Amino acid sequence: MKGALETPAEPPAPAKAGPAPRPSAVTARDLARATATRRRRSASLKLWAGAVCTLLVVVPVALAQVLPLPGAGDQDLSRRRLAPLTDGHLFGTDQLGRDVLSRVLHGGQVSLSIGVLAVVVSGLIGIVAGAAAGYYGRWVDAVVSRLLEAQMSLPLLMMLLLVVALFGPSVTVITCVIAIAQWPEVARLTRSLVLVEREKPYVAAAQVLGLPRIAILARHIIPNIVRQASLVVLLLLAQAVLLESALSYLGAGPQRPFATWGRIISDGQDYITTSWWLVTLPGLVIVLLVVGVNLLGDGLRDRTRRRATEGSR
């Protein structure tokens, strides 16, 4: 038969395999190292840039009393509104012939003093309240949480203006007002950190040894979270300076003879079209400080996170 005479079909020849792919020289470990290196460089760049910007403002402000500058209140009506770099006035003069650079540096002493004191007080209040809420829980956590929610629901600047109007625009009042306005941010972070720390084995071991709860919180938990909480306090310094400058600009800051940054800008705003340096240069000093503090805080935070990640490995 026809089917019997046909020869069986030969199977198709296997396709020729190409050359085996060569293994990549870049491994997953190399990629991880590259990412870590990039993050490390970014953190270092932020630290250096933030430190330089901050020191460019803080160092001259701290040395304002010893620098060869005219007095902040010395007036010379014959030298009114001189442009910058004129007759030895680096930042020019204002509408009363006063040296703008001297006023900026001496005003920075007041603004920075208020900002530093405010963040120190707010940091202490926030760490204590947040640590108590996170560790003890129950009614302590409920009370602190309700206070946080109540304060954060209020308009910040309006609340500051109301308190200053009631108690007067003194340096002490403004420092306390800014500190009270900023403590919720520190308390929220501290509470979340303590909630994590209290579940760790060393806390259970301390409880087994019979240590009082307040001793465990003060001697063991808070020292472990204070570094991360202090980074938030550092970032709040820029906000404190901005709040003080805003209050001074609105006329609710420290009264004369204090020459704060906000008051300097407020005094020069009527001449902004003809004497731009009266507003622009003090504003640039504030911007330089705020950007420097934020970069410094971000760099420190990135470095802390990287060390924590490497330690967990």
Protein backbone atom coordinates (compact mmCIF):
# COMPACT_ATOMS: atom_id res chain seq x y z
CA MET A 1 0.00 0.00 0.00
CA LYS A 2 0.93 3.57 -0.48
CA GLY A 3 1.18 4.27 3.22
CA ALA A 4 3.44 1.27 3.75
CA LEU A 5 5.82 2.29 0.98
CA GLU A 6 6.34 5.79 2.34
CA THR A 7 9.31 6.31 4.56
CA PRO A 8 8.72 7.94 7.91
CA ALA A 9 9.41 11.66 8.01
CA GLU A 10 12.62 12.65 9.68
CA PRO A 11 12.28 14.77 12.83
CA PRO A 12 13.24 18.42 12.36
CA ALA A 13 16.78 19.24 13.15
CA PRO A 14 17.19 21.06 16.44
CA ALA A 15 17.86 24.77 16.13
CA LYS A 16 21.39 25.79 16.76
CA ALA A 17 21.72 27.37 20.15
CA GLY A 18 23.44 30.70 20.25
CA PRO A 19 26.31 31.50 22.56
CA ALA A 20 25.44 31.40 26.25
CA PRO A 21 24.84 34.88 27.72
CA ARG A 22 27.76 36.12 29.71
CA PRO A 23 27.05 36.92 33.35
CA SER A 24 26.87 40.61 34.11
CA ALA A 25 29.79 42.09 35.95
CA VAL A 26 27.39 44.32 37.92
CA THR A 27 25.81 42.36 40.74
CA ALA A 28 22.94 43.23 43.03
CA ARG A 29 25.46 43.92 45.76
CA ASP A 30 27.22 46.45 43.53
CA LEU A 31 23.92 48.17 42.83
CA ALA A 32 23.16 48.34 46.55
CA ARG A 33 26.58 49.81 47.20
CA ALA A 34 26.08 52.38 44.46
CA THR A 35 22.73 53.44 45.96
CA ALA A 36 24.24 53.66 49.42
CA THR A 37 27.14 55.68 48.07
CA ARG A 38 24.82 58.07 46.30
CA ARG A 39 22.76 58.56 49.45
CA ARG A 40 25.91 59.04 51.51
CA ARG A 41 27.17 61.69 49.11
CA SER A 42 23.79 63.42 49.13
CA ALA A 43 23.76 63.50 52.93
CA SER A 44 27.33 64.83 53.03
CA LEU A 45 26.48 67.52 50.46
CA LYS A 46 23.48 68.63 52.50
CA LEU A 47 25.55 68.72 55.67
CA TRP A 48 28.30 70.82 54.10
CA ALA A 49 25.93 73.20 52.31
CA GLY A 50 23.74 73.59 55.38
CA ALA A 51 26.69 74.15 57.68
CA VAL A 52 28.19 76.78 55.36
CA CYS A 53 24.91 78.68 54.93
CA THR A 54 24.18 78.57 58.67
CA LEU A 55 27.66 79.67 59.70
CA LEU A 56 27.61 82.53 57.21
CA VAL A 57 24.75 83.99 59.24
CA VAL A 58 25.40 82.77 62.78
CA VAL A 59 29.10 83.68 63.05
CA PRO A 60 28.74 87.37 62.02
CA VAL A 61 25.66 87.71 64.23
CA ALA A 62 27.55 86.27 67.20
CA LEU A 63 30.51 88.61 66.57
CA ALA A 64 28.41 91.72 65.92
CA GLN A 65 29.67 93.41 69.09
CA VAL A 66 33.36 93.11 68.14
CA LEU A 67 33.19 93.78 64.39
CA PRO A 68 34.26 97.27 63.23
CA LEU A 69 30.74 98.44 62.44
CA PRO A 70 28.79 101.57 63.39
CA GLY A 71 26.24 101.28 66.15
CA ALA A 72 22.90 99.82 65.17
CA GLY A 73 21.12 103.00 66.31
CA ASP A 74 23.65 105.60 65.10
CA GLN A 75 21.89 108.03 62.77
CA ASP A 76 23.42 110.29 60.12
CA LEU A 77 20.77 112.07 58.06
CA SER A 78 23.39 113.23 55.57
CA ARG A 79 23.98 109.59 54.59
CA ARG A 80 20.39 108.48 54.14
CA ARG A 81 19.65 105.57 51.80
CA LEU A 82 23.15 105.06 50.51
CA ALA A 83 23.44 102.12 48.13
CA PRO A 84 25.37 99.01 49.18
CA LEU A 85 29.19 99.20 48.96
CA THR A 86 29.08 102.99 49.29
CA ASP A 87 31.38 104.83 51.74
CA GLY A 88 32.21 101.64 53.61
CA HIS A 89 28.59 100.57 54.14
CA LEU A 90 28.47 96.98 52.88
CA PHE A 91 24.66 96.77 52.99
CA GLY A 92 24.08 100.50 52.51
CA THR A 93 22.13 102.76 54.89
CA ASP A 94 18.45 103.12 55.70
CA GLN A 95 16.10 106.11 55.65
CA LEU A 96 17.67 107.52 58.84
CA GLY A 97 21.29 107.01 57.80
CA ARG A 98 21.79 103.91 59.95
CA ASP A 99 24.09 101.14 58.74
CA VAL A 100 21.89 98.29 57.47
CA LEU A 101 24.51 95.59 58.05
CA SER A 102 24.93 96.63 61.67
CA ARG A 103 21.17 96.61 62.19
CA VAL A 104 20.85 93.19 60.56
CA LEU A 105 23.59 91.66 62.71
CA HIS A 106 22.39 93.20 65.97
CA GLY A 107 18.80 92.36 65.09
CA GLY A 108 19.87 88.81 64.37
CA GLN A 109 21.06 88.46 67.95
CA VAL A 110 17.52 89.13 69.18
CA SER A 111 15.85 86.93 66.55
CA LEU A 112 18.23 84.01 67.02
CA SER A 113 18.08 84.26 70.81
CA ILE A 114 14.29 84.05 70.73
CA GLY A 115 14.41 81.19 68.22
CA VAL A 116 16.98 79.13 70.14
CA LEU A 117 15.24 79.60 73.50
CA ALA A 118 11.89 78.78 71.95
CA VAL A 119 13.02 75.51 70.37
CA VAL A 120 14.80 74.44 73.57
CA VAL A 121 11.66 74.98 75.63
CA SER A 122 9.39 73.38 73.02
CA GLY A 123 11.79 70.44 72.70
CA LEU A 124 11.75 69.78 76.44
CA ILE A 125 7.96 70.03 76.64
CA GLY A 126 7.45 67.89 73.56
CA ILE A 127 9.87 65.14 74.59
CA VAL A 128 8.46 64.87 78.12
CA ALA A 129 4.82 64.92 77.01
CA GLY A 130 5.35 62.59 74.04
CA ALA A 131 7.42 60.11 76.04
CA ALA A 132 4.81 59.97 78.80
CA ALA A 133 1.99 59.48 76.30
CA GLY A 134 3.82 56.75 74.38
CA TYR A 135 5.05 54.79 77.41
CA TYR A 136 2.18 55.00 79.89
CA GLY A 137 -0.67 55.07 77.37
CA ARG A 138 -4.29 54.97 78.58
CA TRP A 139 -5.52 58.24 80.04
CA VAL A 140 -2.10 59.93 79.75
CA ASP A 141 -2.02 59.20 76.02
CA ALA A 142 -5.64 60.34 75.66
CA VAL A 143 -5.03 63.67 77.40
CA VAL A 144 -1.84 64.47 75.46
CA SER A 145 -3.41 63.42 72.15
CA ARG A 146 -6.48 65.61 72.72
CA LEU A 147 -4.24 68.57 73.56
CA LEU A 148 -2.24 68.00 70.39
CA GLU A 149 -5.35 67.82 68.24
CA ALA A 150 -6.87 70.90 69.86
CA GLN A 151 -3.76 73.03 69.38
CA MET A 152 -3.02 71.86 65.84
CA SER A 153 -6.57 72.70 64.78
CA LEU A 154 -6.04 76.38 65.63
CA PRO A 155 -4.54 78.85 63.12
CA LEU A 156 -0.97 79.25 64.28
CA LEU A 157 -0.32 82.91 63.46
CA MET A 158 -3.72 84.05 64.71
CA MET A 159 -3.15 82.24 67.99
CA LEU A 160 0.26 83.89 68.39
CA LEU A 161 -1.15 87.34 67.70
CA LEU A 162 -3.96 86.80 70.22
CA VAL A 163 -1.60 85.72 73.00
CA VAL A 164 0.82 88.58 72.30
CA ALA A 165 -2.07 91.05 72.33
CA LEU A 166 -3.21 89.74 75.71
CA PHE A 167 0.16 89.57 77.49
CA GLY A 168 2.24 92.17 75.65
CA PRO A 169 5.02 91.91 73.02
CA SER A 170 7.96 91.27 75.33
CA VAL A 171 10.84 88.94 74.54
CA THR A 172 9.79 86.49 77.27
CA VAL A 173 6.19 86.35 76.10
CA ILE A 174 7.14 85.84 72.45
CA THR A 175 9.62 83.10 73.36
CA CYS A 176 7.03 81.24 75.42
CA VAL A 177 4.36 81.69 72.76
CA ILE A 178 6.55 80.25 70.00
CA ALA A 179 7.63 77.38 72.27
CA ILE A 180 4.01 76.49 73.08
CA ALA A 181 3.13 76.69 69.40
CA GLN A 182 5.87 74.24 68.38
CA TRP A 183 5.78 71.52 71.02
CA PRO A 184 3.10 69.36 69.28
CA GLU A 185 5.45 68.41 66.44
CA VAL A 186 8.13 67.20 68.87
CA ALA A 187 5.54 65.40 71.02
CA ARG A 188 4.04 63.51 68.07
CA LEU A 189 7.42 62.22 66.91
CA THR A 190 8.54 61.33 70.44
CA ARG A 191 5.33 59.43 71.11
CA SER A 192 5.73 57.30 67.97
CA LEU A 193 9.37 56.57 68.78
CA VAL A 194 8.55 55.55 72.36
CA LEU A 195 5.76 53.26 71.15
CA VAL A 196 8.41 51.35 69.17
CA GLU A 197 11.04 51.37 71.90
CA ARG A 198 8.81 50.11 74.70
CA GLU A 199 8.24 46.81 72.83
CA LYS A 200 11.95 46.00 72.61
CA PRO A 201 13.58 43.28 74.74
CA TYR A 202 15.70 45.60 76.87
CA VAL A 203 12.56 47.27 78.25
CA ALA A 204 11.09 43.87 79.18
CA ALA A 205 14.38 42.92 80.83
CA ALA A 206 14.37 46.12 82.86
CA GLN A 207 10.80 45.41 83.97
CA VAL A 208 11.77 41.89 85.04
CA LEU A 209 14.61 43.33 87.12
CA GLY A 210 12.03 45.41 88.97
CA LEU A 211 13.08 48.90 87.84
CA PRO A 212 10.40 51.58 88.31
CA ARG A 213 8.59 52.64 85.15
CA ILE A 214 9.78 56.23 85.44
CA ALA A 215 13.38 55.00 85.73
CA ILE A 216 13.00 52.83 82.63
CA LEU A 217 11.59 55.76 80.72
CA ALA A 218 14.18 58.31 81.87
CA ARG A 219 17.32 56.15 81.90
CA HIS A 220 16.78 53.79 78.99
CA ILE A 221 14.07 54.83 76.54
CA ILE A 222 14.53 58.60 76.29
CA PRO A 223 18.34 58.40 75.73
CA ASN A 224 17.67 56.07 72.80
CA ILE A 225 15.22 58.40 71.06
CA VAL A 226 16.58 61.82 72.00
CA ARG A 227 18.91 61.95 68.98
CA GLN A 228 16.08 61.53 66.47
CA ALA A 229 13.86 63.94 68.39
CA SER A 230 16.63 66.54 68.49
CA LEU A 231 16.74 66.58 64.68
CA VAL A 232 13.14 67.79 64.63
CA VAL A 233 14.03 70.41 67.23
CA LEU A 234 16.82 71.62 64.94
CA LEU A 235 14.42 71.92 62.01
CA LEU A 236 12.02 73.88 64.22
CA LEU A 237 14.69 76.56 64.68
CA ALA A 238 14.05 77.82 61.15
CA GLN A 239 10.32 77.91 61.80
CA ALA A 240 10.85 79.77 65.08
CA VAL A 241 12.93 82.45 63.35
CA LEU A 242 10.26 82.83 60.67
CA LEU A 243 7.50 83.12 63.28
CA GLU A 244 9.41 85.77 65.21
CA SER A 245 10.12 87.68 62.00
CA ALA A 246 6.44 87.50 61.03
CA LEU A 247 5.35 88.82 64.43
CA SER A 248 7.89 91.64 64.26
CA TYR A 249 6.82 92.52 60.73
CA LEU A 250 3.20 92.79 61.89
CA GLY A 251 4.21 94.98 64.83
CA ALA A 252 3.66 92.30 67.49
CA GLY A 253 7.35 91.49 68.04
CA PRO A 254 9.83 92.92 70.53
CA GLN A 255 9.38 96.66 70.67
CA ARG A 256 12.06 99.28 70.15
CA PRO A 257 14.97 99.64 70.71
CA PHE A 258 15.20 95.99 69.58
CA ALA A 259 15.97 95.86 65.84
CA THR A 260 14.68 92.44 64.84
CA TRP A 261 14.75 91.17 61.27
CA GLY A 262 11.01 91.48 60.79
CA ARG A 263 10.99 95.08 62.04
CA ILE A 264 13.89 96.02 59.74
CA ILE A 265 11.91 94.74 56.75
CA SER A 266 8.77 96.47 57.97
CA ASP A 267 10.59 99.80 58.34
CA GLY A 268 12.04 99.59 54.84
CA GLN A 269 8.99 98.43 52.89
CA ASP A 270 7.90 102.02 52.13
CA TYR A 271 11.14 102.56 50.18
CA ILE A 272 11.26 99.26 48.31
CA THR A 273 10.83 100.88 44.89
CA THR A 274 13.69 103.33 45.38
CA SER A 275 15.93 101.60 47.97
CA TRP A 276 15.59 97.88 47.30
CA TRP A 277 18.38 96.89 49.70
CA LEU A 278 16.39 97.92 52.79
CA VAL A 279 14.10 94.92 52.32
CA THR A 280 15.99 92.57 50.01
CA LEU A 281 19.23 92.16 51.95
CA PRO A 282 17.64 91.43 55.37
CA GLY A 283 15.26 89.05 53.61
CA LEU A 284 18.17 87.24 51.97
CA VAL A 285 19.82 86.81 55.37
CA ILE A 286 16.66 85.17 56.71
CA VAL A 287 16.42 82.93 53.63
CA LEU A 288 20.08 81.92 53.95
CA LEU A 289 19.61 80.93 57.59
CA VAL A 290 16.37 79.03 57.00
CA VAL A 291 17.77 77.13 54.00
CA GLY A 292 20.98 76.34 55.87
CA VAL A 293 19.19 75.01 58.95
CA ASN A 294 16.84 72.88 56.82
CA LEU A 295 19.70 71.41 54.79
CA LEU A 296 21.68 70.71 57.95
CA GLY A 297 18.71 68.98 59.57
CA ASP A 298 17.95 66.93 56.46
CA GLY A 299 21.57 65.83 56.16
CA LEU A 300 21.74 64.76 59.80
CA ARG A 301 18.45 62.90 59.45
CA ASP A 302 19.64 61.02 56.35
CA ARG A 303 22.90 60.09 58.07
CA THR A 304 21.03 58.86 61.17
CA ARG A 305 18.69 56.73 59.06
CA ARG A 306 21.60 55.25 57.11
CA ARG A 307 23.43 54.30 60.30
CA ALA A 308 20.27 52.77 61.73
CA THR A 309 19.79 50.73 58.54
CA GLU A 310 23.38 49.52 58.54
CA GLY A 311 23.13 48.64 62.21
CA SER A 312 20.00 46.55 61.67
CA ARG A 313 21.81 44.48 59.06
